[in-house]
């Protein structure tokens, strides 16, 4: 094997360093996702104990299902929360507020993150296979090389957990984020869309059975979702 010149050494060094960085971030993110899974299972168990004391109605369950390595489904009160971890590593855009923080300016590698998305859907959308129904991204959790986290999201999800330099992943922090997502979902009610938005319907849609009707349903369909940040 020939001796490497300086240009090759620099190139290979960058490849090695970047690969090592991304692998470390991935491992931190996966550990966070695994912690999230165990916390949801714990909440499921505690809710089961609570519901047996409160009421023996089996229809009011809190159910957690692991759907593959990177997806967790949580069903409760007519809603579904999907927690989905992306298998790739991302960097924040240059104009993102995180990039101007002293924490990231001190070490740019801290801006590389794994991402866990939190989506909210209506349970009936899946039950009745209403493929035209819409879900909402209510938050996304970023985890970096230092095992620090940052949350972008609606209301309390985006305001409480946005101190990237100080927030470190722990059982307590993941539990708080999880409970905040559930609480937000409970308060994020299904609203009837404006009359003018649904006054027309196609023959094809109306001929379908109720279970597969192709009229879109969503919690804020026809409304500006940005208003929920107020």
Protein backbone atom coordinates (compact mmCIF):
# COMPACT_ATOMS: atom_id res chain seq x y z
CA UNK A 1 0.00 0.00 0.00
CA UNK A 2 1.46 3.34 -1.02
CA UNK A 3 2.05 6.19 1.39
CA UNK A 4 -0.88 8.58 1.73
CA UNK A 5 -0.28 12.13 0.67
CA UNK A 6 -1.45 15.04 2.82
CA UNK A 7 -4.56 15.64 0.72
CA UNK A 8 -5.70 12.02 1.14
CA UNK A 9 -4.95 12.07 4.85
CA UNK A 10 -7.07 15.18 5.27
CA UNK A 11 -9.88 13.67 3.21
CA UNK A 12 -9.87 10.36 5.08
CA UNK A 13 -9.67 12.17 8.40
CA UNK A 14 -12.80 14.16 7.55
CA UNK A 15 -14.62 11.00 6.45
CA UNK A 16 -13.67 9.22 9.67
CA UNK A 17 -14.55 12.15 11.94
CA UNK A 18 -17.92 12.82 10.28
CA UNK A 19 -18.85 9.12 10.28
CA UNK A 20 -17.87 8.79 13.93
CA UNK A 21 -19.87 11.90 14.83
CA UNK A 22 -23.00 10.71 13.07
CA UNK A 23 -22.72 7.22 14.54
CA UNK A 24 -22.45 8.66 18.07
CA UNK A 25 -25.44 10.95 17.49
CA UNK A 26 -27.45 8.02 16.11
CA UNK A 27 -26.67 5.92 19.18
CA UNK A 28 -27.72 8.74 21.53
CA UNK A 29 -30.96 9.21 19.61
CA UNK A 30 -31.76 5.50 19.58
CA UNK A 31 -31.14 5.29 23.34
CA UNK A 32 -33.51 8.24 23.80
CA UNK A 33 -36.13 6.50 21.65
CA UNK A 34 -35.71 3.29 23.65
CA UNK A 35 -36.12 5.30 26.86
CA UNK A 36 -39.25 6.88 25.39
CA UNK A 37 -40.61 3.41 24.66
CA UNK A 38 -40.07 2.23 28.24
CA UNK A 39 -41.67 5.39 29.66
CA UNK A 40 -44.75 4.93 27.46
CA UNK A 41 -45.03 1.33 28.66
CA UNK A 42 -44.81 2.60 32.22
CA UNK A 43 -47.57 5.14 31.57
CA UNK A 44 -49.67 2.38 30.01
CA UNK A 45 -49.27 0.23 33.12
CA UNK A 46 -50.08 3.10 35.50
CA UNK A 47 -53.13 4.11 33.45
CA UNK A 48 -54.39 0.52 33.57
CA UNK A 49 -54.18 0.59 37.37
CA UNK A 50 -55.96 3.95 37.44
CA UNK A 51 -58.76 2.85 35.08
CA UNK A 52 -59.49 -0.26 37.15
CA UNK A 53 -60.03 1.94 40.18
CA UNK A 54 -61.95 4.60 38.27
CA UNK A 55 -64.07 2.46 35.94
CA UNK A 56 -63.90 -1.01 34.44
CA UNK A 57 -64.79 0.22 30.96
CA UNK A 58 -62.35 -1.55 28.62
CA UNK A 59 -63.07 0.93 25.82
CA UNK A 60 -61.17 3.66 27.67
CA UNK A 61 -57.77 2.02 27.43
CA UNK A 62 -54.35 3.59 26.94
CA UNK A 63 -52.55 1.29 24.50
CA UNK A 64 -48.91 1.29 23.44
CA UNK A 65 -47.74 -0.72 20.43
CA UNK A 66 -44.21 -1.03 19.08
CA UNK A 67 -44.46 -1.03 15.29
CA UNK A 68 -40.98 -1.82 14.11
CA UNK A 69 -37.63 -0.57 15.30
CA UNK A 70 -38.35 3.13 14.77
CA UNK A 71 -42.08 3.56 15.43
CA UNK A 72 -44.30 3.54 18.52
CA UNK A 73 -48.09 3.91 18.37
CA UNK A 74 -50.01 5.22 21.38
CA UNK A 75 -53.80 5.09 21.32
CA UNK A 76 -56.05 6.87 23.84
CA UNK A 77 -59.32 8.79 23.93
CA UNK A 78 -60.01 8.66 20.18
CA UNK A 79 -56.49 9.76 19.31
CA UNK A 80 -53.28 8.16 18.14
CA UNK A 81 -49.82 9.54 18.81
CA UNK A 82 -47.05 8.20 16.58
CA UNK A 83 -43.49 8.56 17.81
CA UNK A 84 -41.16 7.97 14.87
CA UNK A 85 -37.37 8.07 14.92
CA UNK A 86 -35.61 8.93 11.67
CA UNK A 87 -32.65 6.69 10.89
CA UNK A 88 -30.56 9.55 9.47
CA UNK A 89 -28.71 12.42 11.15
CA UNK A 90 -29.48 16.06 10.34
CA UNK A 91 -27.98 19.48 10.88
CA UNK A 92 -29.96 22.62 11.63
CA UNK A 93 -30.19 25.19 8.81
CA UNK A 94 -27.82 28.15 9.13
CA UNK A 95 -30.65 30.58 9.89
CA UNK A 96 -32.18 28.40 12.61
CA UNK A 97 -32.13 30.03 16.06
CA UNK A 98 -30.15 27.10 17.48
CA UNK A 99 -27.18 27.95 15.25
CA UNK A 100 -26.75 31.36 16.91
CA UNK A 101 -26.61 30.02 20.47
CA UNK A 102 -23.26 30.15 22.33
CA UNK A 103 -23.60 26.39 22.90
CA UNK A 104 -23.51 25.59 19.17
CA UNK A 105 -21.10 28.38 18.20
CA UNK A 106 -18.62 26.90 20.65
CA UNK A 107 -18.70 23.53 18.85
CA UNK A 108 -20.43 23.19 15.47
CA UNK A 109 -20.60 19.40 15.87
CA UNK A 110 -23.33 19.99 18.45
CA UNK A 111 -25.67 21.07 15.66
CA UNK A 112 -25.82 17.54 14.23
CA UNK A 113 -28.89 15.76 15.59
CA UNK A 114 -31.04 12.70 15.37
CA UNK A 115 -34.78 13.38 15.20
CA UNK A 116 -37.85 11.83 16.81
CA UNK A 117 -41.14 13.02 15.30
CA UNK A 118 -44.43 13.16 17.22
CA UNK A 119 -47.56 12.97 15.05
CA UNK A 120 -51.21 13.14 16.11
CA UNK A 121 -53.93 11.30 14.16
CA UNK A 122 -57.54 10.43 14.81
CA UNK A 123 -57.85 6.78 15.83
CA UNK A 124 -60.84 6.36 13.51
CA UNK A 125 -58.69 7.37 10.54
CA UNK A 126 -56.80 4.09 10.96
CA UNK A 127 -59.74 2.04 12.17
CA UNK A 128 -61.87 2.86 9.12
CA UNK A 129 -58.97 3.16 6.68
CA UNK A 130 -59.77 6.80 5.86
CA UNK A 131 -56.67 7.32 3.77
CA UNK A 132 -57.51 10.95 2.98
CA UNK A 133 -57.57 12.00 6.64
CA UNK A 134 -54.75 14.20 7.87
CA UNK A 135 -52.49 14.07 10.89
CA UNK A 136 -50.40 16.79 12.49
CA UNK A 137 -46.79 17.08 13.52
CA UNK A 138 -47.13 18.40 17.07
CA UNK A 139 -43.45 18.19 17.93
CA UNK A 140 -40.02 16.90 17.05
CA UNK A 141 -37.25 16.03 19.45
CA UNK A 142 -33.61 16.61 18.44
CA UNK A 143 -30.77 14.77 20.21
CA UNK A 144 -27.08 15.60 19.67
CA UNK A 145 -23.55 14.30 20.35
CA UNK A 146 -23.59 15.58 23.97
CA UNK A 147 -26.93 13.84 24.60
CA UNK A 148 -28.52 17.28 24.83
CA UNK A 149 -31.97 17.80 23.36
CA UNK A 150 -34.08 20.49 21.77
CA UNK A 151 -37.82 20.36 21.04
CA UNK A 152 -39.68 22.19 18.29
CA UNK A 153 -43.42 22.00 18.65
CA UNK A 154 -46.77 23.43 19.49
CA UNK A 155 -47.38 25.49 22.62
CA UNK A 156 -45.67 24.08 25.72
CA UNK A 157 -43.74 21.53 23.66
CA UNK A 158 -41.89 24.30 21.86
CA UNK A 159 -41.55 26.80 24.69
CA UNK A 160 -40.48 24.70 27.68
CA UNK A 161 -37.89 22.43 26.09
CA UNK A 162 -35.89 24.77 23.88
CA UNK A 163 -32.76 25.42 25.96
CA UNK A 164 -30.39 23.29 23.90
CA UNK A 165 -27.29 24.13 25.94
CA UNK A 166 -28.73 23.02 29.28
CA UNK A 167 -31.31 20.35 28.46
CA UNK A 168 -29.85 16.87 28.80
CA UNK A 169 -31.67 13.64 27.98
CA UNK A 170 -32.76 11.77 31.11
CA UNK A 171 -35.67 9.65 32.21
CA UNK A 172 -37.31 12.69 33.81
CA UNK A 173 -36.88 14.93 30.77
CA UNK A 174 -38.22 12.33 28.32
CA UNK A 175 -41.13 11.66 30.67
CA UNK A 176 -41.97 15.38 30.79
CA UNK A 177 -41.86 15.67 26.99
CA UNK A 178 -44.03 12.55 26.60
CA UNK A 179 -46.63 13.75 29.08
CA UNK A 180 -46.65 17.22 27.48
CA UNK A 181 -47.35 15.63 24.07
CA UNK A 182 -50.21 13.58 25.51
CA UNK A 183 -51.61 16.61 27.34
CA UNK A 184 -51.46 18.72 24.19
CA UNK A 185 -53.28 16.01 22.24
CA UNK A 186 -56.05 15.82 24.84
CA UNK A 187 -56.62 19.58 24.55
CA UNK A 188 -56.30 19.64 20.74
CA UNK A 189 -59.95 19.00 19.90
CA UNK A 190 -61.63 18.09 16.64
CA UNK A 191 -63.38 21.19 15.25
CA UNK A 192 -66.02 21.23 12.57
CA UNK A 193 -64.63 22.78 9.38
CA UNK A 194 -66.25 25.89 7.86
CA UNK A 195 -69.50 25.10 6.04
CA UNK A 196 -68.23 26.49 2.71
CA UNK A 197 -65.28 24.09 2.79
CA UNK A 198 -67.49 21.00 2.71
CA UNK A 199 -70.64 22.09 0.87
CA UNK A 200 -69.57 20.25 -2.27
CA UNK A 201 -69.01 16.49 -2.44
CA UNK A 202 -68.32 14.18 -5.36
CA UNK A 203 -70.63 11.33 -6.34
CA UNK A 204 -67.75 8.90 -5.84
CA UNK A 205 -67.22 10.08 -2.26
CA UNK A 206 -70.87 9.94 -1.28
CA UNK A 207 -71.31 6.46 -2.77
CA UNK A 208 -68.58 5.02 -0.57
CA UNK A 209 -69.53 3.37 2.69
CA UNK A 210 -69.20 5.37 5.90
CA UNK A 211 -66.14 3.33 6.83
CA UNK A 212 -64.19 4.35 3.73
CA UNK A 213 -65.71 7.73 2.93
CA UNK A 214 -63.11 9.90 1.20
CA UNK A 215 -64.10 13.22 2.77
CA UNK A 216 -61.02 14.47 4.61
CA UNK A 217 -61.17 14.62 8.39
CA UNK A 218 -58.66 16.37 10.61
CA UNK A 219 -58.65 18.27 13.85
CA UNK A 220 -58.04 21.64 12.18
CA UNK A 221 -59.02 20.95 8.58
CA UNK A 222 -60.05 24.24 7.01
CA UNK A 223 -58.43 26.28 9.77
CA UNK A 224 -54.98 27.86 9.96
CA UNK A 225 -53.10 25.53 12.27
CA UNK A 226 -50.61 28.30 13.08
CA UNK A 227 -53.30 29.88 15.26
CA UNK A 228 -52.76 27.12 17.81
CA UNK A 229 -49.41 28.68 18.70
CA UNK A 230 -51.13 31.74 20.09
